[in-house]
């Protein structure tokens, strides 16, 4: 097995282009390299291109269950995507869709006496809610 790692100019999309024969051991080695690359801070998308590789029939590392278990933690840490392309032009795409959260609404400037009034009202509503649930 041979592979070449490329990246786009902005460093957000990386590709691993694989050629040669892949057995089970080489497949696990390749997934370990890909897992490390997905966790890189600038990597937003990793394309694992297996179209030029001959995959043994015994290789089981490129099924969906294995890919999810290997990349789940890395994909959940940031907004990123893993694309695995196969020889028959099919692909598996795992996306985290961890888009940045909306910024919290800023607090309104309220006078202290108004804040106390609203605080008392919220406490009384909380008491009434507790009474309703019991």
N, C-alpha and C. Protein backbone atom coordinates (compact mmCIF):
# COMPACT_ATOMS: atom_id res chain seq x y z
N UNK A 1 0.85 -1.18 0.00
CA UNK A 1 0.00 0.00 0.00
C UNK A 1 0.89 1.23 0.00
N UNK A 2 0.48 2.20 -0.80
CA UNK A 2 1.14 3.51 -0.84
C UNK A 2 0.06 4.57 -0.71
N UNK A 3 0.41 5.70 -0.09
CA UNK A 3 -0.57 6.77 -0.03
C UNK A 3 0.13 8.12 -0.12
N UNK A 4 -0.62 9.10 -0.55
CA UNK A 4 -0.14 10.47 -0.70
C UNK A 4 -1.12 11.38 0.04
N UNK A 5 -0.59 12.28 0.85
CA UNK A 5 -1.43 13.22 1.60
C UNK A 5 -1.32 14.58 0.93
N UNK A 6 -2.48 15.17 0.62
CA UNK A 6 -2.51 16.50 0.03
C UNK A 6 -3.44 17.38 0.84
N UNK A 7 -3.29 18.69 0.69
CA UNK A 7 -4.22 19.61 1.34
C UNK A 7 -4.46 20.80 0.43
N UNK A 8 -5.61 21.42 0.61
CA UNK A 8 -5.92 22.63 -0.15
C UNK A 8 -5.10 23.79 0.41
N UNK A 9 -5.07 24.86 -0.31
CA UNK A 9 -4.23 26.00 0.07
C UNK A 9 -4.61 26.59 1.42
N UNK A 10 -5.90 26.59 1.75
CA UNK A 10 -6.30 27.16 3.05
C UNK A 10 -6.12 26.17 4.20
N UNK A 11 -5.77 24.92 3.89
CA UNK A 11 -5.50 23.93 4.92
C UNK A 11 -6.71 23.34 5.58
N UNK A 12 -7.90 23.54 5.02
CA UNK A 12 -9.11 23.03 5.66
C UNK A 12 -9.54 21.66 5.13
N UNK A 13 -9.14 21.32 3.90
CA UNK A 13 -9.51 20.03 3.30
C UNK A 13 -8.24 19.23 3.02
N UNK A 14 -8.15 18.07 3.63
CA UNK A 14 -7.02 17.16 3.43
C UNK A 14 -7.50 15.94 2.67
N UNK A 15 -6.60 15.35 1.90
CA UNK A 15 -6.92 14.13 1.16
C UNK A 15 -5.82 13.11 1.37
N UNK A 16 -6.23 11.85 1.52
CA UNK A 16 -5.29 10.73 1.53
C UNK A 16 -5.65 9.89 0.32
N UNK A 17 -4.79 9.89 -0.68
CA UNK A 17 -5.02 9.13 -1.90
C UNK A 17 -4.20 7.84 -1.78
N UNK A 18 -4.90 6.70 -1.80
CA UNK A 18 -4.28 5.41 -1.55
C UNK A 18 -4.21 4.60 -2.84
N UNK A 19 -3.07 3.92 -3.02
CA UNK A 19 -2.93 3.00 -4.15
C UNK A 19 -2.26 1.72 -3.65
N UNK A 20 -2.33 0.69 -4.46
CA UNK A 20 -1.74 -0.58 -4.06
C UNK A 20 -2.76 -1.48 -3.40
N UNK A 21 -2.28 -2.52 -2.77
CA UNK A 21 -3.16 -3.51 -2.14
C UNK A 21 -3.30 -3.22 -0.66
N UNK A 22 -4.53 -3.30 -0.16
CA UNK A 22 -4.81 -3.04 1.25
C UNK A 22 -5.30 -4.33 1.89
N UNK A 23 -4.54 -4.80 2.89
CA UNK A 23 -5.01 -5.92 3.70
C UNK A 23 -5.56 -5.34 5.02
N UNK A 24 -5.94 -6.21 5.94
CA UNK A 24 -6.57 -5.76 7.18
C UNK A 24 -5.62 -4.89 8.02
N UNK A 25 -4.37 -5.30 8.12
CA UNK A 25 -3.39 -4.52 8.90
C UNK A 25 -3.16 -3.14 8.29
N UNK A 26 -3.00 -3.08 6.98
CA UNK A 26 -2.80 -1.81 6.31
C UNK A 26 -4.04 -0.92 6.44
N UNK A 27 -5.22 -1.52 6.42
CA UNK A 27 -6.45 -0.76 6.60
C UNK A 27 -6.52 -0.11 7.98
N UNK A 28 -6.14 -0.87 9.02
CA UNK A 28 -6.15 -0.30 10.37
C UNK A 28 -5.10 0.80 10.50
N UNK A 29 -3.93 0.62 9.87
CA UNK A 29 -2.90 1.66 9.90
C UNK A 29 -3.39 2.93 9.22
N UNK A 30 -4.07 2.76 8.11
CA UNK A 30 -4.61 3.90 7.38
C UNK A 30 -5.67 4.63 8.19
N UNK A 31 -6.54 3.89 8.88
CA UNK A 31 -7.56 4.52 9.73
C UNK A 31 -6.93 5.27 10.90
N UNK A 32 -5.83 4.76 11.41
CA UNK A 32 -5.16 5.44 12.52
C UNK A 32 -4.57 6.77 12.05
N UNK A 33 -3.98 6.80 10.87
CA UNK A 33 -3.46 8.04 10.30
C UNK A 33 -4.60 9.02 10.05
N UNK A 34 -5.69 8.52 9.47
CA UNK A 34 -6.84 9.37 9.18
C UNK A 34 -7.45 9.92 10.46
N UNK A 35 -7.51 9.12 11.50
CA UNK A 35 -8.06 9.57 12.78
C UNK A 35 -7.23 10.72 13.35
N UNK A 36 -5.92 10.62 13.24
CA UNK A 36 -5.04 11.69 13.69
C UNK A 36 -5.26 12.96 12.88
N UNK A 37 -5.45 12.81 11.58
CA UNK A 37 -5.64 13.98 10.72
C UNK A 37 -6.97 14.66 10.98
N UNK A 38 -8.04 13.90 11.25
CA UNK A 38 -9.34 14.49 11.53
C UNK A 38 -9.28 15.37 12.77
N UNK A 39 -8.45 14.98 13.73
CA UNK A 39 -8.33 15.74 14.98
C UNK A 39 -7.47 16.99 14.86
N UNK A 40 -6.79 17.16 13.73
CA UNK A 40 -5.96 18.36 13.56
C UNK A 40 -6.86 19.60 13.57
N UNK A 41 -6.43 20.68 14.21
CA UNK A 41 -7.30 21.86 14.38
C UNK A 41 -7.78 22.48 13.07
N UNK A 42 -6.96 22.47 12.02
CA UNK A 42 -7.35 23.13 10.78
C UNK A 42 -8.11 22.23 9.82
N UNK A 43 -8.13 20.94 10.07
CA UNK A 43 -8.78 19.99 9.17
C UNK A 43 -10.29 20.03 9.35
N UNK A 44 -11.00 20.54 8.37
CA UNK A 44 -12.46 20.58 8.40
C UNK A 44 -13.07 19.44 7.60
N UNK A 45 -12.31 18.93 6.62
CA UNK A 45 -12.79 17.80 5.82
C UNK A 45 -11.60 16.92 5.46
N UNK A 46 -11.78 15.61 5.62
CA UNK A 46 -10.76 14.64 5.24
C UNK A 46 -11.38 13.69 4.23
N UNK A 47 -10.73 13.57 3.07
CA UNK A 47 -11.18 12.67 2.02
C UNK A 47 -10.20 11.50 1.97
N UNK A 48 -10.71 10.32 2.22
CA UNK A 48 -9.92 9.09 2.15
C UNK A 48 -10.28 8.44 0.82
N UNK A 49 -9.41 8.62 -0.18
CA UNK A 49 -9.68 8.20 -1.54
C UNK A 49 -9.08 6.81 -1.78
N UNK A 50 -9.94 5.80 -1.81
CA UNK A 50 -9.51 4.41 -2.01
C UNK A 50 -9.78 3.92 -3.42
N UNK A 51 -10.07 4.83 -4.35
CA UNK A 51 -10.43 4.41 -5.71
C UNK A 51 -9.28 3.75 -6.46
N UNK A 52 -8.05 4.07 -6.11
CA UNK A 52 -6.90 3.47 -6.77
C UNK A 52 -6.35 2.27 -6.03
N UNK A 53 -7.02 1.83 -4.98
CA UNK A 53 -6.51 0.72 -4.16
C UNK A 53 -7.28 -0.56 -4.45
N UNK A 54 -6.58 -1.66 -4.27
CA UNK A 54 -7.20 -2.98 -4.36
C UNK A 54 -7.40 -3.46 -2.92
N UNK A 55 -8.66 -3.58 -2.50
CA UNK A 55 -8.97 -3.96 -1.13
C UNK A 55 -9.28 -5.45 -1.09
N UNK A 56 -8.54 -6.18 -0.24
CA UNK A 56 -8.79 -7.62 -0.07
C UNK A 56 -10.22 -7.87 0.37
N UNK A 57 -10.74 -9.04 0.03
CA UNK A 57 -12.10 -9.38 0.43
C UNK A 57 -12.22 -9.56 1.94
N UNK A 58 -11.13 -9.89 2.60
CA UNK A 58 -11.15 -10.12 4.05
C UNK A 58 -11.14 -8.82 4.86
N UNK A 59 -10.91 -7.69 4.23
CA UNK A 59 -10.81 -6.41 4.94
C UNK A 59 -12.18 -5.97 5.41
N UNK A 60 -12.29 -5.72 6.71
CA UNK A 60 -13.59 -5.33 7.27
C UNK A 60 -13.55 -3.95 7.93
N UNK A 61 -12.44 -3.23 7.78
CA UNK A 61 -12.32 -1.96 8.50
C UNK A 61 -13.03 -0.79 7.82
N UNK A 62 -13.44 -0.95 6.58
CA UNK A 62 -14.06 0.16 5.87
C UNK A 62 -15.58 0.06 5.82
N UNK A 63 -16.18 -0.62 6.79
CA UNK A 63 -17.64 -0.63 6.85
C UNK A 63 -18.10 0.51 7.75
N UNK A 64 -19.35 0.84 7.67
CA UNK A 64 -19.88 2.01 8.37
C UNK A 64 -19.73 1.91 9.88
N UNK A 65 -20.00 0.75 10.45
CA UNK A 65 -19.90 0.60 11.91
C UNK A 65 -18.49 0.86 12.42
N UNK A 66 -17.51 0.33 11.73
CA UNK A 66 -16.12 0.52 12.15
C UNK A 66 -15.71 1.98 11.99
N UNK A 67 -16.08 2.59 10.86
CA UNK A 67 -15.73 3.99 10.63
C UNK A 67 -16.33 4.90 11.70
N UNK A 68 -17.59 4.66 12.05
CA UNK A 68 -18.23 5.48 13.08
C UNK A 68 -17.54 5.30 14.42
N UNK A 69 -17.22 4.07 14.78
CA UNK A 69 -16.58 3.85 16.08
C UNK A 69 -15.18 4.46 16.14
N UNK A 70 -14.46 4.46 15.03
CA UNK A 70 -13.11 5.02 15.02
C UNK A 70 -13.13 6.55 15.02
N UNK A 71 -14.05 7.16 14.26
CA UNK A 71 -14.03 8.61 14.06
C UNK A 71 -15.04 9.39 14.88
N UNK A 72 -15.90 8.72 15.61
CA UNK A 72 -16.97 9.39 16.34
C UNK A 72 -16.44 10.49 17.27
N UNK A 73 -15.49 10.16 18.09
CA UNK A 73 -14.99 11.13 19.06
C UNK A 73 -14.33 12.32 18.38
N UNK A 74 -13.54 12.07 17.35
CA UNK A 74 -12.88 13.16 16.64
C UNK A 74 -13.85 14.08 15.92
N UNK A 75 -14.92 13.50 15.37
CA UNK A 75 -15.89 14.32 14.65
C UNK A 75 -16.75 15.16 15.60
N UNK A 76 -16.92 14.70 16.82
CA UNK A 76 -17.76 15.44 17.75
C UNK A 76 -17.03 16.59 18.44
N UNK A 77 -15.72 16.65 18.31
CA UNK A 77 -14.97 17.73 18.95
C UNK A 77 -15.06 19.03 18.17
N UNK A 78 -15.34 18.97 16.89
CA UNK A 78 -15.42 20.18 16.07
C UNK A 78 -16.26 19.87 14.83
N UNK A 79 -16.60 20.90 14.11
CA UNK A 79 -17.38 20.73 12.88
C UNK A 79 -16.45 20.19 11.80
N UNK A 80 -16.61 18.92 11.45
CA UNK A 80 -15.74 18.31 10.46
C UNK A 80 -16.46 17.19 9.71
N UNK A 81 -15.83 16.74 8.62
CA UNK A 81 -16.43 15.74 7.75
C UNK A 81 -15.36 14.73 7.34
N UNK A 82 -15.76 13.47 7.27
CA UNK A 82 -14.91 12.42 6.74
C UNK A 82 -15.63 11.82 5.53
N UNK A 83 -14.91 11.74 4.41
CA UNK A 83 -15.46 11.14 3.19
C UNK A 83 -14.54 9.99 2.78
N UNK A 84 -15.11 8.80 2.63
CA UNK A 84 -14.36 7.63 2.17
C UNK A 84 -14.91 7.26 0.80
N UNK A 85 -14.05 7.35 -0.23
CA UNK A 85 -14.45 7.05 -1.60
C UNK A 85 -13.90 5.69 -2.01
N UNK A 86 -14.78 4.87 -2.60
CA UNK A 86 -14.40 3.52 -2.99
C UNK A 86 -14.26 3.40 -4.50
N UNK A 87 -13.71 2.26 -4.92
CA UNK A 87 -13.40 1.99 -6.32
C UNK A 87 -14.65 2.07 -7.22
N UNK A 88 -15.80 1.66 -6.72
CA UNK A 88 -17.03 1.66 -7.52
C UNK A 88 -17.74 3.01 -7.51
N UNK A 89 -17.03 4.08 -7.18
CA UNK A 89 -17.54 5.46 -7.10
C UNK A 89 -18.62 5.65 -6.05
N UNK A 90 -18.73 4.72 -5.12
CA UNK A 90 -19.60 4.95 -3.97
C UNK A 90 -18.77 5.63 -2.88
N UNK A 91 -19.45 6.22 -1.92
CA UNK A 91 -18.73 6.88 -0.84
C UNK A 91 -19.54 6.82 0.45
N UNK A 92 -18.81 6.90 1.54
CA UNK A 92 -19.41 7.03 2.87
C UNK A 92 -19.01 8.40 3.38
N UNK A 93 -19.99 9.17 3.84
CA UNK A 93 -19.73 10.52 4.34
C UNK A 93 -20.23 10.60 5.78
N UNK A 94 -19.32 10.92 6.70
CA UNK A 94 -19.67 11.13 8.10
C UNK A 94 -19.45 12.60 8.42
N UNK A 95 -20.53 13.27 8.82
CA UNK A 95 -20.46 14.70 9.13
C UNK A 95 -20.87 14.94 10.57
N UNK A 96 -20.14 15.81 11.23
CA UNK A 96 -20.48 16.09 12.62
C UNK A 96 -21.55 17.16 12.74
N UNK A 97 -21.56 18.11 11.82
CA UNK A 97 -22.51 19.23 11.87
C UNK A 97 -22.51 19.93 13.21
N UNK A 98 -21.35 20.07 13.81
CA UNK A 98 -21.21 20.79 15.06
C UNK A 98 -20.97 22.26 14.74
N UNK A 99 -21.98 22.90 14.24
CA UNK A 99 -21.86 24.30 13.91
C UNK A 99 -21.72 25.13 15.18
N UNK A 100 -21.04 26.25 15.08
CA UNK A 100 -20.89 27.08 16.27
C UNK A 100 -22.24 27.50 16.83
N UNK A 101 -22.32 27.55 18.13
CA UNK A 101 -23.56 27.94 18.79
C UNK A 101 -23.85 29.42 18.56
N UNK A 102 -25.11 29.74 18.58
CA UNK A 102 -25.50 31.14 18.48
C UNK A 102 -25.00 31.87 19.72
N UNK A 103 -24.51 33.07 19.54
CA UNK A 103 -24.07 33.81 20.73
C UNK A 103 -25.25 34.09 21.65
N UNK A 104 -24.98 34.03 22.94
CA UNK A 104 -26.04 34.26 23.92
C UNK A 104 -26.50 35.71 23.82
N UNK A 105 -27.77 35.87 24.10
CA UNK A 105 -28.32 37.23 24.08
C UNK A 105 -27.68 38.05 25.19
N UNK A 106 -27.25 39.23 24.88
CA UNK A 106 -26.63 40.05 25.93
C UNK A 106 -27.67 40.45 26.97
N UNK A 107 -27.20 40.64 28.16
CA UNK A 107 -28.09 41.06 29.23
C UNK A 107 -28.53 42.50 29.00
N UNK A 108 -29.76 42.76 29.36
CA UNK A 108 -30.28 44.12 29.23
C UNK A 108 -29.87 44.92 30.45
N UNK A 109 -29.60 46.19 30.23
CA UNK A 109 -29.29 47.07 31.35
C UNK A 109 -30.58 47.39 32.09
N UNK A 110 -30.66 46.94 33.32
CA UNK A 110 -31.85 47.14 34.14
C UNK A 110 -31.41 47.73 35.47
N UNK A 111 -32.22 48.63 35.98
CA UNK A 111 -31.91 49.20 37.29
C UNK A 111 -32.03 48.12 38.35
N UNK A 112 -31.35 48.28 39.46
CA UNK A 112 -31.31 47.27 40.51
C UNK A 112 -32.69 47.01 41.10
N UNK A 113 -33.50 48.06 41.32
CA UNK A 113 -34.83 47.87 41.89
C UNK A 113 -35.75 47.09 40.95
N UNK A 114 -35.59 47.29 39.63
CA UNK A 114 -36.37 46.52 38.66
C UNK A 114 -35.93 45.05 38.68
N UNK A 115 -34.64 44.83 38.77
CA UNK A 115 -34.13 43.45 38.79
C UNK A 115 -34.65 42.72 40.02
N UNK A 116 -34.71 43.38 41.17
CA UNK A 116 -35.24 42.75 42.37
C UNK A 116 -36.71 42.42 42.20
N UNK A 117 -37.46 43.32 41.58
CA UNK A 117 -38.89 43.09 41.34
C UNK A 117 -39.09 41.86 40.45
N UNK A 118 -38.31 41.77 39.35
CA UNK A 118 -38.42 40.62 38.45
C UNK A 118 -37.96 39.34 39.14
N UNK A 119 -36.94 39.45 39.99
CA UNK A 119 -36.46 38.30 40.73
C UNK A 119 -37.53 37.75 41.66
N UNK A 120 -38.26 38.63 42.35
CA UNK A 120 -39.35 38.22 43.25
C UNK A 120 -40.46 37.55 42.45
N UNK A 121 -40.78 38.12 41.31
CA UNK A 121 -41.84 37.55 40.46
C UNK A 121 -41.45 36.15 39.99
N UNK A 122 -40.19 35.97 39.60
CA UNK A 122 -39.73 34.65 39.14
C UNK A 122 -39.76 33.63 40.28
N UNK A 123 -39.42 34.06 41.50
CA UNK A 123 -39.46 33.15 42.64
C UNK A 123 -40.88 32.71 42.94
N UNK A 124 -41.85 33.66 42.86
CA UNK A 124 -43.23 33.29 43.14
C UNK A 124 -43.76 32.34 42.06
N UNK A 125 -43.37 32.56 40.79
CA UNK A 125 -43.78 31.64 39.72
C UNK A 125 -43.17 30.25 39.93
N UNK A 126 -41.96 30.20 40.40
CA UNK A 126 -41.30 28.93 40.67
C UNK A 126 -42.01 28.19 41.79
N UNK A 127 -42.43 28.92 42.84
CA UNK A 127 -43.17 28.31 43.96
C UNK A 127 -44.48 27.75 43.46
N UNK A 128 -45.21 28.51 42.64
CA UNK A 128 -46.49 28.04 42.12
C UNK A 128 -46.30 26.80 41.24
N UNK A 129 -45.22 26.77 40.46
CA UNK A 129 -44.97 25.60 39.62
C UNK A 129 -44.70 24.36 40.47
N UNK A 130 -43.96 24.55 41.56
CA UNK A 130 -43.70 23.42 42.45
C UNK A 130 -44.98 22.90 43.09
N UNK A 131 -45.89 23.81 43.45
CA UNK A 131 -47.15 23.40 44.06
C UNK A 131 -48.02 22.63 43.06
N UNK A 132 -47.97 23.06 41.81
CA UNK A 132 -48.79 22.39 40.77
C UNK A 132 -48.29 20.98 40.49
N UNK A 133 -46.99 20.75 40.59
CA UNK A 133 -46.46 19.43 40.28
C UNK A 133 -46.72 18.44 41.41
N UNK A 134 -46.94 18.93 42.64
CA UNK A 134 -47.18 18.03 43.78
C UNK A 134 -48.61 17.85 43.97
